[in-house]
Amino acid sequence: MEPMTRVVIVGGGPGGYEAALVAAQLGAEVTVVDRDGLGGSAVLTDCVPSKTLIATAEAMTAAAESGGLGVRIAGDTPTAGLVTVDLGVVNQRVKRLAAAQSTDIAARLEREGVRVVRGAGSLESSSVVVAESPDGTRTRFDADVVLIATGARPRVVPGAEPDGERILSWEQVYDLPALPERLVVVGSGVTGAEFASGYNALGSDVVLVSSRDRVLPGEDADAAAVLEAVFRRRGMTVLDRSRAAAVRRTGDGVVVELVDGRRVEGSHALMAVGSLPNTEGLGLDAAGVRRHDSGHIEVDRVSRTSARGVYAAGDVTGVLMLASVAAMQGRIAMWHAMGDTVHPLDLKSVSSNVFTDPEIATVGYTELDATEGRIDARIVKLPLATNARAKMMDLHDGFVKLVCRPGTGIVVGGVVVAPKASELVFAVSVAVDHRLTVDQLAETFTVYPSMTGSIAEAARQLHLRT
């Protein structure tokens, strides 16, 4: 009998636990060395907690903006201040759901025969992993295949160090006992925009400090413009081209000092200024694993590092900071290592979502790719306000944008800005992944009335433009 392949995975986040499931399915002996809890930051401190909090925020917005539908609360037209939230109860639910999800992952790994070792893992060599338990005990594991999936942590700005009480990282907000009266969010990327949107809906007075000329500088420009207009309409203060220099405690509040000398006062500050890879203390240099100048581990499209038999997945690679990408990198690594059929990672088929209100979902090539000459494309944008279902739901903000190749009409990208855009974009993702044409998309039946009708309509309009 052939000896069983020994796979040791360092890190139990989406990249790690999904890799473990694939490796176990393919007959490997799998060990996961995990320090912080199965599910990683995606489950314990990032995706699951933040989207749970945002679910409450969405309910608040739906209640506050339902007056146009004829809804009345105790005889009054709903307003933002009429419905309130108990943040303590919300945060209890957030933590409970995160813990339950982590427990579910542990149970699944156990059912599949994966051994989980609690401790901090590091490489003694490219084929030996050392796990140091909380009590200091060190255990060596020989490995035929190693996967590094240790994730990332919030970036700390000197002069604005989080204290867990008034100056917060996004991992610390779930310990707040009450809603911040005035929350200053520093950073207008995805994390900053999501929390700013969420806390604004929950009832906080929110100031969003953006160092760029608009919120969400990495997203579609039209989508960012819609979102910023919504933010301002709902009472949020958005400070464009404003870089924070320092954040100080002032007893019962904070002061955010901007580079240009202005000062922004608040009850709390949330630092959302990016993340750093967890690569320290892993023995990467000794094992021959190369890193970029940013500290992220270098990998190819099948998750291989520069060291033979060592793979890496997830935020530690910096490829694309999404749980779905981390999970796919982990699966691809195991398929490749175990000799199974594998398709290299294709980032142009990845769909992503910003969980603001409205949501922004994107897949494939963008309008910027076309305008900057990276691809020849035809583009159509349809406002959501023309959609019959949107009118019935009293929705006005958002649009559907499709990107296709001229001549062939093959769909290569799209953007959806709408409530639950994360669900609606799936139709576009299928079209991109399977190289469907706008005609094939247009000829597919959609329910009437439905939001997906706008996707088919955009495809119909592109028929004459290809």
Protein backbone atom coordinates (compact mmCIF):
# COMPACT_ATOMS: atom_id res chain seq x y z
CA MET A 1 0.00 0.00 0.00
CA GLU A 2 1.26 3.47 -0.88
CA PRO A 3 2.07 5.61 2.15
CA MET A 4 -0.52 8.27 2.88
CA THR A 5 0.39 11.83 1.92
CA ARG A 6 0.97 13.90 5.05
CA VAL A 7 -0.49 17.41 4.80
CA VAL A 8 0.13 19.98 7.52
CA ILE A 9 -1.79 23.25 7.35
CA VAL A 10 -0.82 26.28 9.43
CA GLY A 11 -3.92 28.42 10.01
CA GLY A 12 -7.57 27.45 10.27
CA GLY A 13 -9.25 30.23 8.28
CA PRO A 14 -11.10 29.72 4.96
CA GLY A 15 -7.86 28.96 3.09
CA GLY A 16 -6.82 26.44 5.73
CA TYR A 17 -10.02 24.60 6.57
CA GLU A 18 -11.21 24.36 2.94
CA ALA A 19 -7.80 22.96 1.97
CA ALA A 20 -8.05 20.46 4.81
CA LEU A 21 -11.43 19.21 3.57
CA VAL A 22 -10.12 18.72 0.02
CA ALA A 23 -6.95 16.98 1.19
CA ALA A 24 -8.94 14.64 3.44
CA GLN A 25 -11.34 13.88 0.60
CA LEU A 26 -8.36 12.91 -1.57
CA GLY A 27 -7.04 10.52 1.06
CA ALA A 28 -4.35 12.52 2.81
CA GLU A 29 -3.46 12.45 6.49
CA VAL A 30 -4.30 16.03 7.44
CA THR A 31 -3.25 18.12 10.44
CA VAL A 32 -4.38 21.70 10.96
CA VAL A 33 -2.32 23.80 13.38
CA ASP A 34 -4.54 26.68 14.47
CA ARG A 35 -3.82 29.44 16.97
CA ASP A 36 -6.83 31.76 17.08
CA GLY A 37 -9.88 29.57 16.38
CA LEU A 38 -11.20 27.68 13.39
CA GLY A 39 -12.68 29.95 10.77
CA GLY A 40 -9.98 32.55 11.30
CA SER A 41 -10.68 36.26 11.15
CA ALA A 42 -13.29 35.71 8.42
CA VAL A 43 -15.49 33.89 10.90
CA LEU A 44 -14.43 35.29 14.27
CA THR A 45 -13.60 38.96 13.76
CA ASP A 46 -14.30 40.02 10.18
CA CYS A 47 -16.78 38.71 7.58
CA VAL A 48 -19.29 36.84 9.75
CA PRO A 49 -19.41 39.41 12.59
CA SER A 50 -19.48 42.49 10.35
CA LYS A 51 -22.16 41.12 8.03
CA THR A 52 -24.24 40.05 11.04
CA LEU A 53 -24.09 43.62 12.36
CA ILE A 54 -24.86 44.93 8.88
CA ALA A 55 -27.96 42.70 8.71
CA THR A 56 -29.35 44.64 11.67
CA ALA A 57 -28.39 47.90 9.98
CA GLU A 58 -30.28 46.85 6.84
CA ALA A 59 -33.39 46.18 8.92
CA MET A 60 -33.04 49.63 10.48
CA THR A 61 -32.77 51.29 7.06
CA ALA A 62 -35.75 49.34 5.71
CA ALA A 63 -37.84 50.51 8.68
CA ALA A 64 -36.66 54.12 8.52
CA GLU A 65 -37.22 54.47 4.78
CA SER A 66 -40.54 52.62 4.46
CA GLY A 67 -42.74 55.72 4.70
CA GLY A 68 -43.15 55.87 0.93
CA LEU A 69 -44.67 52.38 1.04
CA GLY A 70 -47.38 53.59 3.39
CA VAL A 71 -45.86 52.05 6.52
CA ARG A 72 -46.61 53.85 9.79
CA ILE A 73 -45.21 53.13 13.26
CA ALA A 74 -47.70 53.94 16.01
CA GLY A 75 -49.37 56.28 13.54
CA ASP A 76 -46.17 58.12 12.61
CA THR A 77 -44.25 58.06 9.34
CA PRO A 78 -41.01 56.09 9.97
CA THR A 79 -37.88 58.17 10.37
CA ALA A 80 -34.27 57.41 11.20
CA GLY A 81 -34.78 58.38 14.83
CA LEU A 82 -38.06 56.58 15.42
CA VAL A 83 -36.55 53.07 15.35
CA THR A 84 -33.66 52.42 17.75
CA VAL A 85 -31.25 49.59 18.35
CA ASP A 86 -29.76 47.92 21.44
CA LEU A 87 -26.12 47.53 20.40
CA GLY A 88 -25.39 45.29 23.38
CA VAL A 89 -27.97 42.78 22.13
CA VAL A 90 -26.68 43.11 18.57
CA ASN A 91 -23.09 42.42 19.62
CA GLN A 92 -24.14 39.45 21.74
CA ARG A 93 -25.81 37.98 18.65
CA VAL A 94 -22.73 38.77 16.55
CA LYS A 95 -20.42 36.89 18.91
CA ARG A 96 -22.85 33.99 19.33
CA LEU A 97 -23.17 33.45 15.59
CA ALA A 98 -19.42 33.72 15.02
CA ALA A 99 -18.72 31.14 17.74
CA ALA A 100 -21.40 28.83 16.35
CA GLN A 101 -19.92 29.03 12.86
CA SER A 102 -16.47 28.19 14.23
CA THR A 103 -17.92 25.22 16.10
CA ASP A 104 -19.62 23.99 12.92
CA ILE A 105 -16.30 24.10 11.07
CA ALA A 106 -14.58 22.15 13.84
CA ALA A 107 -17.30 19.50 13.74
CA ARG A 108 -17.00 19.17 9.97
CA LEU A 109 -13.22 18.74 10.15
CA GLU A 110 -13.60 16.11 12.85
CA ARG A 111 -16.15 14.18 10.75
CA GLU A 112 -13.70 14.17 7.84
CA GLY A 113 -10.87 12.81 10.00
CA VAL A 114 -8.79 15.99 10.14
CA ARG A 115 -6.62 16.38 13.22
CA VAL A 116 -6.74 19.89 14.72
CA VAL A 117 -3.87 21.01 16.95
CA ARG A 118 -4.22 24.19 18.95
CA GLY A 119 -1.06 26.26 18.83
CA ALA A 120 1.19 28.52 16.81
CA GLY A 121 2.73 26.80 13.82
CA SER A 122 6.07 27.52 12.17
CA LEU A 123 8.37 25.90 9.63
CA GLU A 124 11.49 24.16 10.88
CA SER A 125 12.13 23.31 7.22
CA SER A 126 10.03 22.94 4.11
CA SER A 127 8.95 19.50 5.32
CA VAL A 128 8.71 19.94 9.09
CA VAL A 129 6.14 22.04 10.97
CA VAL A 130 6.51 22.81 14.66
CA ALA A 131 3.39 23.54 16.70
CA GLU A 132 3.83 25.40 19.98
CA SER A 133 0.85 24.93 22.28
CA PRO A 134 -0.40 27.63 24.70
CA ASP A 135 1.49 25.93 27.56
CA GLY A 136 4.77 26.08 25.59
CA THR A 137 4.88 22.43 24.52
CA ARG A 138 6.45 22.02 21.06
CA THR A 139 5.43 19.19 18.72
CA ARG A 140 7.09 18.40 15.37
CA PHE A 141 5.06 17.21 12.38
CA ASP A 142 6.72 15.73 9.31
CA ALA A 143 4.94 16.80 6.13
CA ASP A 144 4.93 15.94 2.45
CA VAL A 145 2.87 19.06 1.78
CA VAL A 146 2.65 22.26 3.84
CA LEU A 147 0.09 25.03 3.43
CA ILE A 148 0.55 28.44 5.08
CA ALA A 149 -2.80 30.17 5.66
CA THR A 150 -2.16 32.50 8.59
CA GLY A 151 -4.19 35.46 7.34
CA ALA A 152 -3.69 39.12 8.15
CA ARG A 153 -4.33 41.63 10.93
CA PRO A 154 -5.46 45.27 11.06
CA ARG A 155 -2.75 47.76 10.18
CA VAL A 156 -1.85 50.07 13.06
CA VAL A 157 -0.91 53.68 12.31
CA PRO A 158 1.68 55.21 14.67
CA GLY A 159 -0.05 57.91 16.67
CA ALA A 160 -3.43 56.22 16.27
CA GLU A 161 -2.97 52.96 18.15
CA PRO A 162 -6.28 51.25 19.05
CA ASP A 163 -7.01 50.99 22.78
CA GLY A 164 -10.18 48.89 22.52
CA GLU A 165 -12.31 51.54 24.22
CA ARG A 166 -12.42 54.77 22.20
CA ILE A 167 -9.93 54.11 19.41
CA LEU A 168 -10.93 50.85 17.77
CA SER A 169 -9.81 48.42 15.12
CA TRP A 170 -12.53 46.57 13.22
CA GLU A 171 -11.86 43.54 15.44
CA GLN A 172 -12.74 45.49 18.61
CA VAL A 173 -16.10 47.06 17.77
CA TYR A 174 -18.06 44.04 18.98
CA ASP A 175 -17.16 44.81 22.60
CA LEU A 176 -18.94 48.16 22.54
CA PRO A 177 -21.75 48.18 25.14
CA ALA A 178 -23.64 51.05 23.48
CA LEU A 179 -23.92 52.80 20.15
CA PRO A 180 -21.18 55.40 19.53
CA GLU A 181 -22.71 58.86 19.66
CA ARG A 182 -20.32 60.24 17.03
CA LEU A 183 -18.12 57.74 15.21
CA VAL A 184 -15.16 58.93 13.14
CA VAL A 185 -14.22 56.25 10.61
CA VAL A 186 -10.68 56.66 9.29
CA GLY A 187 -10.32 54.99 5.91
CA SER A 188 -12.83 54.83 3.04
CA GLY A 189 -11.93 51.48 1.52
CA VAL A 190 -14.27 48.50 1.72
CA THR A 191 -13.98 48.00 5.49
CA GLY A 192 -14.35 51.70 6.31
CA ALA A 193 -17.29 52.16 3.95
CA GLU A 194 -19.10 49.09 5.30
CA PHE A 195 -18.79 50.13 8.94
CA ALA A 196 -19.62 53.75 8.16
CA SER A 197 -22.77 52.62 6.33
CA GLY A 198 -23.70 50.19 9.10
CA TYR A 199 -23.27 52.52 12.06
CA ASN A 200 -24.97 55.37 10.21
CA ALA A 201 -28.02 53.13 9.76
CA LEU A 202 -27.89 52.01 13.40
CA GLY A 203 -28.15 55.64 14.50
CA SER A 204 -24.62 56.92 15.08
CA ASP A 205 -23.54 60.31 13.78
CA VAL A 206 -20.79 59.16 11.39
CA VAL A 207 -17.85 61.08 9.93
CA LEU A 208 -15.97 59.24 7.18
CA VAL A 209 -12.39 60.42 6.66
CA SER A 210 -11.17 59.60 3.14
CA SER A 211 -7.62 60.31 2.01
CA ARG A 212 -8.69 59.99 -1.63
CA ASP A 213 -11.01 62.09 -3.76
CA ARG A 214 -13.91 59.67 -3.26
CA VAL A 215 -15.02 56.75 -1.15
CA LEU A 216 -14.13 53.24 -2.34
CA PRO A 217 -11.29 54.32 -4.66
CA GLY A 218 -10.77 50.73 -5.78
CA GLU A 219 -14.37 50.21 -6.94
CA ASP A 220 -16.30 51.24 -10.04
CA ALA A 221 -16.42 55.06 -10.13
CA ASP A 222 -20.16 55.21 -10.91
CA ALA A 223 -20.90 52.83 -8.04
CA ALA A 224 -18.78 54.86 -5.61
CA ALA A 225 -20.57 58.05 -6.68
CA VAL A 226 -23.98 56.51 -5.98
CA LEU A 227 -22.87 55.32 -2.57
CA GLU A 228 -21.32 58.63 -1.56
CA ALA A 229 -24.50 60.46 -2.57
CA VAL A 230 -26.54 58.05 -0.43
CA PHE A 231 -24.17 58.53 2.50
CA ARG A 232 -24.54 62.30 2.37
CA ARG A 233 -28.32 62.13 1.95
CA ARG A 234 -28.59 59.99 5.07
CA GLY A 235 -26.69 62.53 7.12
CA MET A 236 -23.16 61.15 7.04
CA THR A 237 -20.28 63.62 6.86
CA VAL A 238 -17.78 62.57 4.19
CA LEU A 239 -14.40 64.32 4.26
CA ASP A 240 -12.69 63.77 0.90
CA ARG A 241 -8.95 64.33 0.40
CA SER A 242 -8.48 64.28 4.17
CA ARG A 243 -5.64 62.22 5.58
CA ALA A 244 -5.50 61.47 9.30
CA ALA A 245 -2.21 62.28 11.01
CA ALA A 246 -3.04 61.13 14.55
CA VAL A 247 -5.90 60.11 16.83
CA ARG A 248 -5.92 61.09 20.51
CA ARG A 249 -8.08 60.23 23.50
CA THR A 250 -9.82 63.16 25.19
CA GLY A 251 -11.27 61.49 28.25
CA ASP A 252 -14.78 60.74 27.07
CA GLY A 253 -14.02 61.06 23.38
CA VAL A 254 -11.42 61.29 20.63
CA VAL A 255 -9.85 63.91 18.38
CA VAL A 256 -8.73 62.96 14.89
CA GLU A 257 -6.01 65.34 13.71
CA LEU A 258 -5.79 65.72 9.93
CA VAL A 259 -2.62 66.41 7.99
CA ASP A 260 -3.93 69.83 6.92
CA GLY A 261 -4.39 70.90 10.55
CA ARG A 262 -8.12 70.35 10.90
CA ARG A 263 -9.47 68.48 13.92
CA VAL A 264 -12.46 66.15 13.95
CA GLU A 265 -14.00 65.38 17.31
CA GLY A 266 -16.01 62.27 18.12
CA SER A 267 -16.98 59.86 20.84
CA HIS A 268 -15.12 56.99 19.12
CA ALA A 269 -12.76 56.44 16.20
CA LEU A 270 -12.65 53.33 14.03
CA MET A 271 -9.36 52.71 12.22
CA ALA A 272 -9.89 51.03 8.84
CA VAL A 273 -6.56 51.67 7.14
CA GLY A 274 -5.72 48.30 5.66
CA SER A 275 -4.09 45.13 6.93
CA LEU A 276 -0.72 43.43 7.28
CA PRO A 277 0.08 39.75 6.58
CA ASN A 278 0.77 37.43 9.50
CA THR A 279 4.17 36.18 8.35
CA GLU A 280 6.36 36.92 11.36
CA GLY A 281 7.77 33.99 13.31
CA LEU A 282 6.79 31.39 10.72
CA GLY A 283 10.35 30.39 9.74
CA LEU A 284 9.69 31.33 6.12
CA ASP A 285 13.19 32.56 5.32
CA ALA A 286 14.84 29.44 6.68
CA ALA A 287 12.47 27.27 4.65
CA GLY A 288 13.18 29.22 1.47
CA VAL A 289 9.76 30.86 1.16
CA ARG A 290 10.07 34.22 -0.59
CA ARG A 291 7.99 37.27 0.32
CA HIS A 292 7.14 40.50 -1.47
CA ASP A 293 8.35 43.81 -0.07
CA SER A 294 4.89 44.15 1.54
CA GLY A 295 5.55 40.99 3.54
CA HIS A 296 3.02 38.88 1.63
CA ILE A 297 4.09 35.40 0.54
CA GLU A 298 4.83 35.03 -3.18
CA VAL A 299 2.62 32.41 -4.85
CA ASP A 300 1.79 31.35 -8.38
CA ARG A 301 -1.69 30.63 -9.73
CA VAL A 302 -1.77 27.15 -8.16
CA SER A 303 -0.72 28.53 -4.74
CA ARG A 304 2.89 27.28 -4.84
CA THR A 305 5.55 29.23 -2.97
CA SER A 306 9.24 29.31 -3.84
CA ALA A 307 9.90 26.34 -1.52
CA ARG A 308 9.22 22.86 -2.87
CA GLY A 309 6.15 21.30 -1.25
CA VAL A 310 5.11 24.53 0.49
CA TYR A 311 1.92 26.30 -0.58
CA ALA A 312 0.16 29.41 0.73
CA ALA A 313 -3.42 30.68 0.59
CA GLY A 314 -5.53 33.60 1.69
CA ASP A 315 -4.77 37.08 2.97
CA VAL A 316 -1.19 36.09 3.79
CA THR A 317 -0.58 36.04 0.02
CA GLY A 318 -2.22 39.41 -0.67
CA VAL A 319 -3.62 38.09 -3.97
CA LEU A 320 -7.18 39.32 -3.35
CA MET A 321 -8.40 39.85 0.19
CA LEU A 322 -11.61 37.83 0.00
CA ALA A 323 -12.65 34.76 1.97
CA SER A 324 -13.88 33.15 -1.25
CA VAL A 325 -10.48 33.62 -2.88
CA ALA A 326 -8.69 32.27 0.20
CA ALA A 327 -10.88 29.17 0.13
CA MET A 328 -10.28 28.63 -3.59
CA GLN A 329 -6.52 29.11 -3.22
CA GLY A 330 -6.53 26.46 -0.48
CA ARG A 331 -8.53 24.01 -2.59
CA ILE A 332 -6.35 24.63 -5.65
CA ALA A 333 -3.22 24.03 -3.55
CA MET A 334 -4.45 20.61 -2.44
CA TRP A 335 -5.73 19.58 -5.86
CA HIS A 336 -2.30 20.44 -7.28
CA ALA A 337 -0.30 18.86 -4.47
CA MET A 338 -2.35 15.64 -4.58
CA GLY A 339 -2.19 15.32 -8.36
CA ASP A 340 -5.88 15.94 -8.97
CA THR A 341 -7.37 17.96 -11.83
CA VAL A 342 -6.74 21.63 -11.18
CA HIS A 343 -7.48 24.92 -12.90
CA PRO A 344 -5.18 27.84 -12.00
CA LEU A 345 -6.77 30.75 -10.15
CA ASP A 346 -8.47 33.20 -12.53
CA LEU A 347 -9.08 36.51 -10.79
CA LYS A 348 -11.25 37.77 -13.66
CA SER A 349 -13.92 35.23 -12.69
CA VAL A 350 -14.00 36.31 -9.03
CA SER A 351 -17.11 38.13 -7.86
CA SER A 352 -16.79 40.49 -4.91
CA ASN A 353 -19.20 42.57 -2.87
CA VAL A 354 -19.15 45.68 -0.70
CA PHE A 355 -21.78 45.22 2.01
CA THR A 356 -22.89 48.82 2.22
CA ASP A 357 -26.47 49.98 1.68
CA PRO A 358 -26.91 49.73 -1.26
CA GLU A 359 -24.48 46.90 -1.90
CA ILE A 360 -21.90 47.04 -4.69
CA ALA A 361 -21.14 43.75 -6.47
CA THR A 362 -18.49 43.39 -9.17
CA VAL A 363 -17.15 40.62 -11.39
CA GLY A 364 -14.66 40.47 -14.24
CA TYR A 365 -13.39 43.37 -16.31
CA THR A 366 -14.42 46.89 -15.40
CA GLU A 367 -15.18 50.08 -17.28
CA LEU A 368 -11.79 51.39 -16.12
CA ASP A 369 -10.13 48.41 -17.84
CA ALA A 370 -11.81 49.49 -21.06
CA THR A 371 -11.06 53.22 -20.78
CA GLU A 372 -7.40 52.53 -19.95
CA GLY A 373 -7.00 50.19 -22.92
CA ARG A 374 -6.58 46.87 -21.12
CA ILE A 375 -9.52 45.42 -23.03
CA ASP A 376 -11.70 46.44 -25.96
CA ALA A 377 -15.26 46.38 -24.66
CA ARG A 378 -18.80 47.69 -25.01
CA ILE A 379 -20.67 48.85 -21.91
CA VAL A 380 -24.28 49.54 -20.98
CA LYS A 381 -25.52 50.97 -17.69
CA LEU A 382 -29.20 50.85 -16.66
CA PRO A 383 -30.45 52.82 -13.64
CA LEU A 384 -32.33 50.78 -11.09
CA ALA A 385 -35.05 53.43 -10.94
CA THR A 386 -36.44 52.18 -14.29
CA ASN A 387 -36.95 48.63 -12.99
CA ALA A 388 -40.59 47.80 -12.19
CA ARG A 389 -39.75 45.76 -9.08
CA ALA A 390 -37.51 48.55 -7.78
CA LYS A 391 -40.37 51.02 -8.20
CA MET A 392 -42.69 48.74 -6.21
CA MET A 393 -40.10 48.55 -3.43
CA ASP A 394 -39.57 52.35 -3.55
CA LEU A 395 -35.91 51.92 -4.48
CA HIS A 396 -34.16 54.72 -6.34
CA ASP A 397 -30.40 54.26 -5.90
CA GLY A 398 -28.34 51.89 -7.99
CA PHE A 399 -27.81 50.44 -11.44
CA VAL A 400 -26.78 47.42 -13.49
CA LYS A 401 -23.71 47.71 -15.73
CA LEU A 402 -22.62 45.02 -18.20
CA VAL A 403 -19.29 44.79 -20.03
CA CYS A 404 -18.96 42.66 -23.17
CA ARG A 405 -16.51 42.09 -26.01
CA PRO A 406 -17.30 43.76 -29.35
CA GLY A 407 -18.10 41.42 -32.18
CA THR A 408 -18.59 38.25 -30.15
CA GLY A 409 -20.76 39.84 -27.45
CA ILE A 410 -19.13 37.62 -24.78
CA VAL A 411 -19.88 38.96 -21.30
CA VAL A 412 -16.60 39.76 -19.55
CA GLY A 413 -17.71 41.83 -16.56
CA GLY A 414 -20.42 43.64 -14.71
CA VAL A 415 -21.40 45.77 -11.74
CA VAL A 416 -24.63 45.68 -9.75
CA VAL A 417 -25.47 48.43 -7.26
CA ALA A 418 -28.64 47.49 -5.40
CA PRO A 419 -30.00 45.92 -2.22
CA LYS A 420 -28.74 42.31 -2.14
CA ALA A 421 -26.41 42.95 -5.08
CA SER A 422 -24.33 40.08 -3.70
CA GLU A 423 -27.15 37.73 -4.79
CA LEU A 424 -28.05 39.49 -8.06
CA VAL A 425 -24.48 39.44 -9.40
CA PHE A 426 -24.51 35.64 -9.55
CA ALA A 427 -26.22 35.71 -12.96
CA VAL A 428 -23.45 37.94 -14.31
CA SER A 429 -20.79 35.75 -12.67
CA VAL A 430 -22.18 32.66 -14.41
CA ALA A 431 -22.11 34.51 -17.73
CA VAL A 432 -18.50 35.61 -17.21
CA ASP A 433 -17.29 32.22 -15.99
CA HIS A 434 -18.93 30.29 -18.85
CA ARG A 435 -18.24 32.89 -21.53
CA LEU A 436 -21.90 33.43 -22.35
CA THR A 437 -22.84 36.08 -24.88
CA VAL A 438 -25.16 39.00 -24.27
CA ASP A 439 -27.67 37.31 -26.56
CA GLN A 440 -27.63 34.13 -24.49
CA LEU A 441 -28.10 36.20 -21.34
CA ALA A 442 -30.89 38.25 -22.93
CA GLU A 443 -32.74 35.16 -24.15
CA THR A 444 -32.85 33.64 -20.67
CA PHE A 445 -36.23 34.04 -18.97
CA THR A 446 -36.38 36.31 -15.93
CA VAL A 447 -39.31 36.59 -13.54
CA TYR A 448 -41.50 39.65 -14.04
CA PRO A 449 -41.27 41.79 -12.05
CA SER A 450 -37.77 41.17 -10.71
CA MET A 451 -34.49 42.99 -10.22
CA THR A 452 -32.77 40.45 -12.46
CA GLY A 453 -34.89 41.81 -15.30
CA SER A 454 -32.47 44.74 -15.48
CA ILE A 455 -29.57 42.35 -16.15
CA ALA A 456 -31.44 40.80 -19.10
CA GLU A 457 -32.46 44.25 -20.35
CA ALA A 458 -28.86 45.50 -20.25
CA ALA A 459 -27.87 42.42 -22.27
CA ARG A 460 -30.60 43.15 -24.83
CA GLN A 461 -29.35 46.69 -25.25
CA LEU A 462 -25.82 45.41 -25.86
CA HIS A 463 -27.09 43.24 -28.74
CA LEU A 464 -27.04 46.23 -31.11
CA ARG A 465 -23.73 47.58 -29.78
CA THR A 466 -21.51 44.59 -30.45
